[in-house]
Amino acid sequence: MDARSRSVTAAAPRHATFAELEAALPTLRAAPRERGVVELIVCRPAVGERQVLPAGELRAGAGLVGDRWTPLSRAEPLTVISSRLVALLADRERWPLAGDQLYVDFDLSAEHVPPGTRLGVGSAVIEVSVEPHTGCRKFRDRFGPDALRFINSPIGRELSLRGINAHVVTGGAVRVGDAISALFD
C-alpha cells in the first residue's frame, strides 16, 4: 500500500488460531523494553480508508495530523499497537486494517508502560491513557474470532496486545524507523 488513500477491502485470509497465538507468546514478550522502533504509520482520513505514511506529524491535543480521529470525536486520538502481534495476524499489506496509527516493535505491556507513562516517539512525546484499547467487531472480522479472544484474554490485556490509547503531550515529527522509548523520571 502506498501513500495514496485506498478503500479497505477485507478478503477472507486464513486467520491465526488461539493455540498459534498462544504459542507465539515468547516472541510477543521479547519486544524491546529500552528502545523500540516505529515500523508503520497509518492515517485514516475517512471511514474505511487507510493512508500509509513514511512520516507524520503528531500534534498536541489533536493526534496524527490528517487522521479522522480528533479530540472532538474521541477522547484519546492516538492508538499504538505491537507490530509483533499484527505480524502474527496478517501479511504486512493488511496491517493497516487493525486501525491504529502507530505500529511499533516495543513492549507495550501494562507493567512496562502503565497509564500515565510518557513515551518519546520520534521528536514527539505521547502519554499512555487510562482507557484500555480493546478489540471490536471490526478487529474480529478482519483478523478472526480467535485473535479477538486472544487479545482480550487475561494475558492479552496484561501485555496490552491490542495496543494502547494515548494522547500527544508534545507535538513533533515521527518517521518509520524512529525510536520509541519510555521516558522515566
Protein backbone atom coordinates (compact mmCIF):
# COMPACT_ATOMS: atom_id res chain seq x y z
CA MET A 1 0.00 0.00 0.00
CA ASP A 2 1.44 3.38 -0.90
CA ALA A 3 0.83 6.88 0.44
CA ARG A 4 -2.39 7.33 -1.55
CA SER A 5 -5.69 6.66 0.17
CA ARG A 6 -7.25 3.34 -0.63
CA SER A 7 -10.55 1.85 0.23
CA VAL A 8 -10.27 -1.01 2.70
CA THR A 9 -11.17 -4.42 1.37
CA ALA A 10 -11.11 -7.37 3.69
CA ALA A 11 -10.50 -10.55 1.72
CA ALA A 12 -11.00 -13.80 3.59
CA PRO A 13 -7.46 -14.79 4.56
CA ARG A 14 -6.63 -17.65 6.89
CA HIS A 15 -6.83 -16.47 10.50
CA ALA A 16 -4.42 -17.48 13.25
CA THR A 17 -5.85 -19.85 15.83
CA PHE A 18 -5.84 -19.18 19.55
CA ALA A 19 -3.31 -22.01 20.00
CA GLU A 20 -0.99 -20.49 17.38
CA LEU A 21 -1.19 -17.09 19.05
CA GLU A 22 -0.61 -18.61 22.48
CA ALA A 23 2.45 -20.45 21.13
CA ALA A 24 3.84 -17.07 19.97
CA LEU A 25 3.80 -15.58 23.49
CA PRO A 26 7.61 -15.86 23.85
CA THR A 27 8.02 -13.76 20.67
CA LEU A 28 5.49 -11.19 21.91
CA ARG A 29 7.12 -11.00 25.34
CA ALA A 30 10.55 -10.46 23.73
CA ALA A 31 9.62 -7.00 22.40
CA PRO A 32 12.28 -4.38 23.23
CA ARG A 33 11.82 -2.61 26.58
CA GLU A 34 14.53 0.04 26.39
CA ARG A 35 14.28 1.28 22.84
CA GLY A 36 11.85 0.12 20.20
CA VAL A 37 11.19 1.22 16.65
CA VAL A 38 8.25 2.67 14.70
CA GLU A 39 7.53 0.19 11.92
CA LEU A 40 4.42 1.68 10.30
CA ILE A 41 2.43 4.92 10.40
CA VAL A 42 -1.17 4.85 9.20
CA CYS A 43 -3.53 7.77 8.76
CA ARG A 44 -7.27 7.17 8.43
CA PRO A 45 -8.54 10.23 6.53
CA ALA A 46 -12.08 8.84 6.20
CA VAL A 47 -14.05 5.82 7.33
CA GLY A 48 -12.74 2.73 5.55
CA GLU A 49 -9.64 4.45 4.18
CA ARG A 50 -6.01 3.96 5.17
CA GLN A 51 -3.04 6.03 4.12
CA VAL A 52 0.36 4.51 4.87
CA LEU A 53 2.85 7.30 5.57
CA PRO A 54 6.64 7.34 5.65
CA ALA A 55 6.38 10.20 8.17
CA GLY A 56 3.69 12.10 10.03
CA GLU A 57 3.16 14.90 12.47
CA LEU A 58 1.79 14.32 15.94
CA ARG A 59 0.10 17.41 17.31
CA ALA A 60 -0.67 18.04 20.98
CA GLY A 61 -4.39 17.83 21.58
CA ALA A 62 -5.02 16.51 18.07
CA GLY A 63 -3.14 13.25 17.45
CA LEU A 64 -1.85 12.35 13.99
CA VAL A 65 -2.38 15.26 11.60
CA GLY A 66 -4.81 14.24 8.86
CA ASP A 67 -6.38 11.39 10.81
CA ARG A 68 -10.15 11.46 11.20
CA TRP A 69 -9.98 10.85 14.96
CA THR A 70 -9.78 14.14 16.77
CA PRO A 71 -10.39 15.22 20.37
CA LEU A 72 -13.92 16.15 19.25
CA SER A 73 -14.65 12.61 18.06
CA ARG A 74 -12.61 10.63 20.60
CA ALA A 75 -11.06 11.38 23.98
CA GLU A 76 -7.77 9.67 23.11
CA PRO A 77 -6.89 10.49 19.49
CA LEU A 78 -3.91 8.14 19.09
CA THR A 79 -3.57 4.36 19.21
CA VAL A 80 -0.34 2.39 19.23
CA ILE A 81 -0.14 -1.36 18.55
CA SER A 82 2.57 -4.01 18.69
CA SER A 83 3.94 -4.79 15.25
CA ARG A 84 4.84 -8.25 16.59
CA LEU A 85 1.19 -9.01 17.24
CA VAL A 86 -0.02 -7.66 13.89
CA ALA A 87 2.68 -9.68 12.09
CA LEU A 88 1.14 -12.83 13.61
CA LEU A 89 -2.30 -11.84 12.38
CA ALA A 90 -1.71 -10.65 8.83
CA ASP A 91 0.66 -10.07 5.95
CA ARG A 92 2.22 -6.61 6.13
CA GLU A 93 -0.08 -5.12 3.45
CA ARG A 94 -3.05 -5.95 5.73
CA TRP A 95 -1.55 -4.42 8.88
CA PRO A 96 -3.36 -1.09 8.38
CA LEU A 97 -6.69 -2.88 8.78
CA ALA A 98 -6.01 -3.01 12.54
CA GLY A 99 -7.00 0.66 12.55
CA ASP A 100 -4.14 2.05 14.63
CA GLN A 101 -1.91 4.99 13.75
CA LEU A 102 1.45 3.77 15.08
CA TYR A 103 2.76 0.19 14.75
CA VAL A 104 5.80 -0.32 16.94
CA ASP A 105 8.20 -3.04 17.99
CA PHE A 106 8.20 -2.14 21.69
CA ASP A 107 6.92 -3.61 24.96
CA LEU A 108 3.51 -2.01 25.47
CA SER A 109 2.60 -4.18 28.48
CA ALA A 110 0.74 -2.60 31.38
CA GLU A 111 3.64 -3.48 33.67
CA HIS A 112 6.21 -1.73 31.47
CA VAL A 113 4.22 1.34 30.37
CA PRO A 114 1.26 1.77 32.73
CA PRO A 115 -1.24 4.62 32.28
CA GLY A 116 0.47 7.97 32.71
CA THR A 117 3.78 6.78 31.25
CA ARG A 118 5.25 9.17 28.73
CA LEU A 119 6.84 7.78 25.60
CA GLY A 120 9.25 9.54 23.30
CA VAL A 121 8.39 8.68 19.70
CA GLY A 122 10.36 10.48 17.04
CA SER A 123 10.52 14.09 18.25
CA ALA A 124 7.09 13.87 19.94
CA VAL A 125 6.03 12.83 23.44
CA ILE A 126 2.85 10.84 23.99
CA GLU A 127 1.22 9.68 27.22
CA VAL A 128 -0.41 6.30 27.81
CA SER A 129 -4.09 6.72 28.67
CA VAL A 130 -6.08 5.07 31.41
CA GLU A 131 -8.72 3.95 28.89
CA PRO A 132 -7.78 0.46 27.67
CA HIS A 133 -7.59 -0.28 23.96
CA THR A 134 -9.79 -3.29 23.27
CA GLY A 135 -10.75 -5.20 20.20
CA CYS A 136 -14.08 -4.73 18.49
CA ARG A 137 -16.26 -6.38 15.86
CA LYS A 138 -14.15 -4.89 13.05
CA PHE A 139 -10.98 -6.36 14.56
CA ARG A 140 -12.70 -9.77 14.83
CA ASP A 141 -13.97 -9.57 11.26
CA ARG A 142 -10.54 -8.67 9.90
CA PHE A 143 -8.32 -10.98 11.98
CA GLY A 144 -10.65 -13.70 13.25
CA PRO A 145 -12.53 -14.57 16.43
CA ASP A 146 -9.50 -16.28 17.99
CA ALA A 147 -7.44 -13.09 17.57
CA LEU A 148 -10.13 -11.09 19.37
CA ARG A 149 -10.40 -13.71 22.12
CA PHE A 150 -6.60 -13.77 22.49
CA ILE A 151 -6.10 -10.00 22.79
CA ASN A 152 -8.97 -9.75 25.29
CA SER A 153 -7.77 -12.74 27.37
CA PRO A 154 -6.13 -12.03 30.74
CA ILE A 155 -2.63 -12.40 29.23
CA GLY A 156 -3.62 -10.34 26.20
CA ARG A 157 -4.78 -7.50 28.44
CA GLU A 158 -1.73 -7.81 30.69
CA LEU A 159 0.56 -7.48 27.67
CA SER A 160 -1.66 -4.79 26.06
CA LEU A 161 -1.68 -6.86 22.90
CA ARG A 162 -4.45 -4.79 21.31
CA GLY A 163 -2.21 -1.82 21.94
CA ILE A 164 -2.62 1.35 23.93
CA ASN A 165 -4.60 4.54 23.71
CA ALA A 166 -2.57 7.70 24.07
CA HIS A 167 -2.67 11.43 23.70
CA VAL A 168 0.05 13.71 22.39
CA VAL A 169 1.74 15.79 25.10
CA THR A 170 4.42 17.42 22.93
CA GLY A 171 3.94 17.54 19.20
CA GLY A 172 6.62 16.57 16.75
CA ALA A 173 7.57 14.57 13.71
CA VAL A 174 7.53 10.79 13.63
CA ARG A 175 9.02 8.67 10.87
CA VAL A 176 9.15 4.98 10.11
CA GLY A 177 12.39 3.78 11.73
CA ASP A 178 12.26 6.34 14.56
CA ALA A 179 12.88 5.18 18.10
CA ILE A 180 10.19 4.79 20.75
CA SER A 181 11.14 4.62 24.42
CA ALA A 182 9.64 5.21 27.83
CA LEU A 183 10.60 8.50 29.47
CA PHE A 184 11.01 7.65 33.14
CA ASP A 185 11.74 10.39 35.67
